[in-house]
Amino acid sequence: MKLGVDPQTAALEWAPQRRAPRASDEALTGTTRRWLRELPARRRPLRLCQLYPRVANRLAWCWRDASLSRHVLDDLLIDRRGGRQGFPRPVQRELLRLHEFNERQRVERQEEGLWRRLSRALAWP
């Protein structure tokens, strides 16, 4: 946040950059409901879904891409523009658990290189 600028003024500066509200912002989409069922029970962000369905829908939409999910979670957890109110503690904890799950459990399979495939095929260590 700029020095000497109150949070309300900072919010007004960002208002033109926000997209227009949609009907799906107020309820969970089918994609989000499916995403919740696929998550381990202890990782399901139930309070986030109750209080901020728009945010939950956004996360569910990008969840298949671990890198994009990391970016979205970072944006939600880190105030880069200053003056954000932030989420209530229970929601913050859920987002942190999702971030941890994304980082530790969702290891993207890297394409195996030619030399690695060749050495495996020839049974080299």
C-alpha atoms as a PDB file:
ATOM      1  CA  MET A   1       0.000   0.000   0.000  1.00  0.00           C
ATOM      2  CA  LYS A   2       1.193   3.509  -0.710  1.00  0.00           C
ATOM      3  CA  LEU A   3       2.245   5.444   2.337  1.00  0.00           C
ATOM      4  CA  GLY A   4      -0.471   7.763   3.590  1.00  0.00           C
ATOM      5  CA  VAL A   5      -3.260   6.022   1.635  1.00  0.00           C
ATOM      6  CA  ASP A   6      -6.042   4.496   3.685  1.00  0.00           C
ATOM      7  CA  PRO A   7      -7.338   0.978   2.843  1.00  0.00           C
ATOM      8  CA  GLN A   8     -10.638   2.277   1.422  1.00  0.00           C
ATOM      9  CA  THR A   9      -8.817   4.505  -1.057  1.00  0.00           C
ATOM     10  CA  ALA A  10      -6.522   1.635  -2.006  1.00  0.00           C
ATOM     11  CA  ALA A  11      -9.575  -0.591  -2.625  1.00  0.00           C
ATOM     12  CA  LEU A  12     -11.101   2.060  -4.878  1.00  0.00           C
ATOM     13  CA  GLU A  13      -7.918   2.151  -6.970  1.00  0.00           C
ATOM     14  CA  TRP A  14      -8.307  -1.576  -7.699  1.00  0.00           C
ATOM     15  CA  ALA A  15     -12.081  -1.503  -8.324  1.00  0.00           C
ATOM     16  CA  PRO A  16     -11.842  -0.769 -12.092  1.00  0.00           C
ATOM     17  CA  GLN A  17      -9.587  -3.813 -12.572  1.00  0.00           C
ATOM     18  CA  ARG A  18     -12.046  -6.289 -11.053  1.00  0.00           C
ATOM     19  CA  ARG A  19     -14.352  -8.272 -13.288  1.00  0.00           C
ATOM     20  CA  ALA A  20     -18.094  -7.793 -13.118  1.00  0.00           C
ATOM     21  CA  PRO A  21     -19.912 -10.029 -10.594  1.00  0.00           C
ATOM     22  CA  ARG A  22     -21.469 -13.236 -11.929  1.00  0.00           C
ATOM     23  CA  ALA A  23     -24.318 -15.386 -10.632  1.00  0.00           C
ATOM     24  CA  SER A  24     -21.821 -18.202  -9.971  1.00  0.00           C
ATOM     25  CA  ASP A  25     -19.978 -15.951  -7.500  1.00  0.00           C
ATOM     26  CA  GLU A  26     -22.641 -16.613  -4.872  1.00  0.00           C
ATOM     27  CA  ALA A  27     -22.897 -20.407  -5.097  1.00  0.00           C
ATOM     28  CA  LEU A  28     -20.600 -23.379  -5.600  1.00  0.00           C
ATOM     29  CA  THR A  29     -20.432 -24.684  -9.139  1.00  0.00           C
ATOM     30  CA  GLY A  30     -20.589 -28.364 -10.071  1.00  0.00           C
ATOM     31  CA  THR A  31     -16.853 -28.241 -10.742  1.00  0.00           C
ATOM     32  CA  THR A  32     -16.249 -27.007  -7.204  1.00  0.00           C
ATOM     33  CA  ARG A  33     -18.474 -29.674  -5.662  1.00  0.00           C
ATOM     34  CA  ARG A  34     -16.606 -32.371  -7.594  1.00  0.00           C
ATOM     35  CA  TRP A  35     -13.250 -30.853  -6.547  1.00  0.00           C
ATOM     36  CA  LEU A  36     -14.312 -30.966  -2.890  1.00  0.00           C
ATOM     37  CA  ARG A  37     -15.244 -34.643  -3.152  1.00  0.00           C
ATOM     38  CA  GLU A  38     -11.865 -35.429  -4.729  1.00  0.00           C
ATOM     39  CA  LEU A  39      -9.857 -33.674  -2.003  1.00  0.00           C
ATOM     40  CA  PRO A  40      -8.832 -35.613   1.114  1.00  0.00           C
ATOM     41  CA  ALA A  41     -11.369 -34.910   3.877  1.00  0.00           C
ATOM     42  CA  ARG A  42      -8.864 -32.992   6.032  1.00  0.00           C
ATOM     43  CA  ARG A  43      -7.961 -30.704   3.101  1.00  0.00           C
ATOM     44  CA  ARG A  44     -11.480 -29.649   2.152  1.00  0.00           C
ATOM     45  CA  PRO A  45     -11.901 -25.865   2.596  1.00  0.00           C
ATOM     46  CA  LEU A  46     -15.478 -25.946   3.894  1.00  0.00           C
ATOM     47  CA  ARG A  47     -15.460 -22.496   5.508  1.00  0.00           C
ATOM     48  CA  LEU A  48     -13.978 -20.982   2.378  1.00  0.00           C
ATOM     49  CA  CYS A  49     -16.828 -22.548   0.398  1.00  0.00           C
ATOM     50  CA  GLN A  50     -19.426 -21.224   2.822  1.00  0.00           C
ATOM     51  CA  LEU A  51     -18.062 -17.698   3.125  1.00  0.00           C
ATOM     52  CA  TYR A  52     -16.340 -17.144  -0.227  1.00  0.00           C
ATOM     53  CA  PRO A  53     -17.851 -19.405  -2.906  1.00  0.00           C
ATOM     54  CA  ARG A  54     -16.371 -17.216  -5.673  1.00  0.00           C
ATOM     55  CA  VAL A  55     -12.865 -17.904  -4.383  1.00  0.00           C
ATOM     56  CA  ALA A  56     -13.580 -21.620  -3.985  1.00  0.00           C
ATOM     57  CA  ASN A  57     -14.901 -21.757  -7.557  1.00  0.00           C
ATOM     58  CA  ARG A  58     -11.731 -20.082  -8.806  1.00  0.00           C
ATOM     59  CA  LEU A  59      -9.521 -22.556  -6.963  1.00  0.00           C
ATOM     60  CA  ALA A  60     -11.517 -25.543  -8.200  1.00  0.00           C
ATOM     61  CA  TRP A  61     -11.347 -24.296 -11.765  1.00  0.00           C
ATOM     62  CA  CYS A  62      -7.532 -24.123 -11.763  1.00  0.00           C
ATOM     63  CA  TRP A  63      -6.783 -27.067  -9.417  1.00  0.00           C
ATOM     64  CA  ARG A  64      -5.815 -29.529 -12.171  1.00  0.00           C
ATOM     65  CA  ASP A  65      -2.754 -27.353 -12.869  1.00  0.00           C
ATOM     66  CA  ALA A  66      -0.480 -27.480  -9.804  1.00  0.00           C
ATOM     67  CA  SER A  67       1.536 -24.443 -10.912  1.00  0.00           C
ATOM     68  CA  LEU A  68      -1.545 -22.313 -11.534  1.00  0.00           C
ATOM     69  CA  SER A  69      -3.015 -23.467  -8.203  1.00  0.00           C
ATOM     70  CA  ARG A  70       0.186 -22.413  -6.437  1.00  0.00           C
ATOM     71  CA  HIS A  71      -0.024 -18.995  -8.066  1.00  0.00           C
ATOM     72  CA  VAL A  72      -3.688 -18.509  -7.094  1.00  0.00           C
ATOM     73  CA  LEU A  73      -3.068 -19.667  -3.511  1.00  0.00           C
ATOM     74  CA  ASP A  74      -0.058 -17.354  -3.223  1.00  0.00           C
ATOM     75  CA  ASP A  75      -2.194 -14.446  -4.440  1.00  0.00           C
ATOM     76  CA  LEU A  76      -4.832 -15.262  -1.846  1.00  0.00           C
ATOM     77  CA  LEU A  77      -2.365 -15.596   1.023  1.00  0.00           C
ATOM     78  CA  ILE A  78       0.066 -12.768   0.241  1.00  0.00           C
ATOM     79  CA  ASP A  79      -1.047  -9.131   0.132  1.00  0.00           C
ATOM     80  CA  ARG A  80       0.988  -7.737  -2.756  1.00  0.00           C
ATOM     81  CA  ARG A  81      -1.076  -4.628  -3.344  1.00  0.00           C
ATOM     82  CA  GLY A  82      -1.466  -3.459   0.254  1.00  0.00           C
ATOM     83  CA  GLY A  83      -4.504  -2.617   2.297  1.00  0.00           C
ATOM     84  CA  ARG A  84      -6.305  -5.929   1.911  1.00  0.00           C
ATOM     85  CA  GLN A  85      -8.494  -6.949   4.808  1.00  0.00           C
ATOM     86  CA  GLY A  86      -7.565 -10.612   4.488  1.00  0.00           C
ATOM     87  CA  PHE A  87      -9.545 -13.723   5.266  1.00  0.00           C
ATOM     88  CA  PRO A  88     -10.762 -14.783   8.709  1.00  0.00           C
ATOM     89  CA  ARG A  89      -8.307 -17.086  10.537  1.00  0.00           C
ATOM     90  CA  PRO A  90     -10.236 -20.335   9.865  1.00  0.00           C
ATOM     91  CA  VAL A  91     -10.255 -19.591   6.130  1.00  0.00           C
ATOM     92  CA  GLN A  92      -6.558 -18.653   6.199  1.00  0.00           C
ATOM     93  CA  ARG A  93      -5.790 -22.009   7.826  1.00  0.00           C
ATOM     94  CA  GLU A  94      -7.751 -23.835   5.136  1.00  0.00           C
ATOM     95  CA  LEU A  95      -5.894 -21.978   2.392  1.00  0.00           C
ATOM     96  CA  LEU A  96      -2.564 -22.763   4.048  1.00  0.00           C
ATOM     97  CA  ARG A  97      -3.496 -26.471   4.256  1.00  0.00           C
ATOM     98  CA  LEU A  98      -4.395 -26.436   0.560  1.00  0.00           C
ATOM     99  CA  HIS A  99      -1.140 -24.668  -0.254  1.00  0.00           C
ATOM    100  CA  GLU A 100       0.825 -27.268   1.704  1.00  0.00           C
ATOM    101  CA  PHE A 101      -1.089 -30.101   0.034  1.00  0.00           C
ATOM    102  CA  ASN A 102      -0.446 -28.575  -3.378  1.00  0.00           C
ATOM    103  CA  GLU A 103       3.276 -28.238  -2.685  1.00  0.00           C
ATOM    104  CA  ARG A 104       3.928 -31.588  -0.974  1.00  0.00           C
ATOM    105  CA  GLN A 105       1.390 -34.066  -2.281  1.00  0.00           C
ATOM    106  CA  ARG A 106       0.815 -32.997  -5.851  1.00  0.00           C
ATOM    107  CA  VAL A 107       4.224 -33.599  -7.312  1.00  0.00           C
ATOM    108  CA  GLU A 108       3.971 -33.138 -11.031  1.00  0.00           C
ATOM    109  CA  ARG A 109       5.410 -36.001 -13.030  1.00  0.00           C
ATOM    110  CA  GLN A 110       8.251 -34.710 -15.093  1.00  0.00           C
ATOM    111  CA  GLU A 111       8.654 -36.096 -18.547  1.00  0.00           C
ATOM    112  CA  GLU A 112      11.371 -38.698 -18.525  1.00  0.00           C
ATOM    113  CA  GLY A 113      14.300 -37.653 -20.668  1.00  0.00           C
ATOM    114  CA  LEU A 114      15.811 -39.702 -23.484  1.00  0.00           C
ATOM    115  CA  TRP A 115      18.956 -40.641 -21.556  1.00  0.00           C
ATOM    116  CA  ARG A 116      16.985 -41.717 -18.493  1.00  0.00           C
ATOM    117  CA  ARG A 117      14.682 -43.898 -20.622  1.00  0.00           C
ATOM    118  CA  LEU A 118      17.658 -45.392 -22.424  1.00  0.00           C
ATOM    119  CA  SER A 119      19.536 -46.187 -19.213  1.00  0.00           C
ATOM    120  CA  ARG A 120      16.388 -47.729 -17.725  1.00  0.00           C
ATOM    121  CA  ALA A 121      15.825 -49.795 -20.872  1.00  0.00           C
ATOM    122  CA  LEU A 122      19.427 -51.029 -20.749  1.00  0.00           C
ATOM    123  CA  ALA A 123      19.147 -51.594 -16.971  1.00  0.00           C
ATOM    124  CA  TRP A 124      21.899 -49.113 -16.140  1.00  0.00           C
ATOM    125  CA  PRO A 125      21.797 -47.566 -12.672  1.00  0.00           C
END
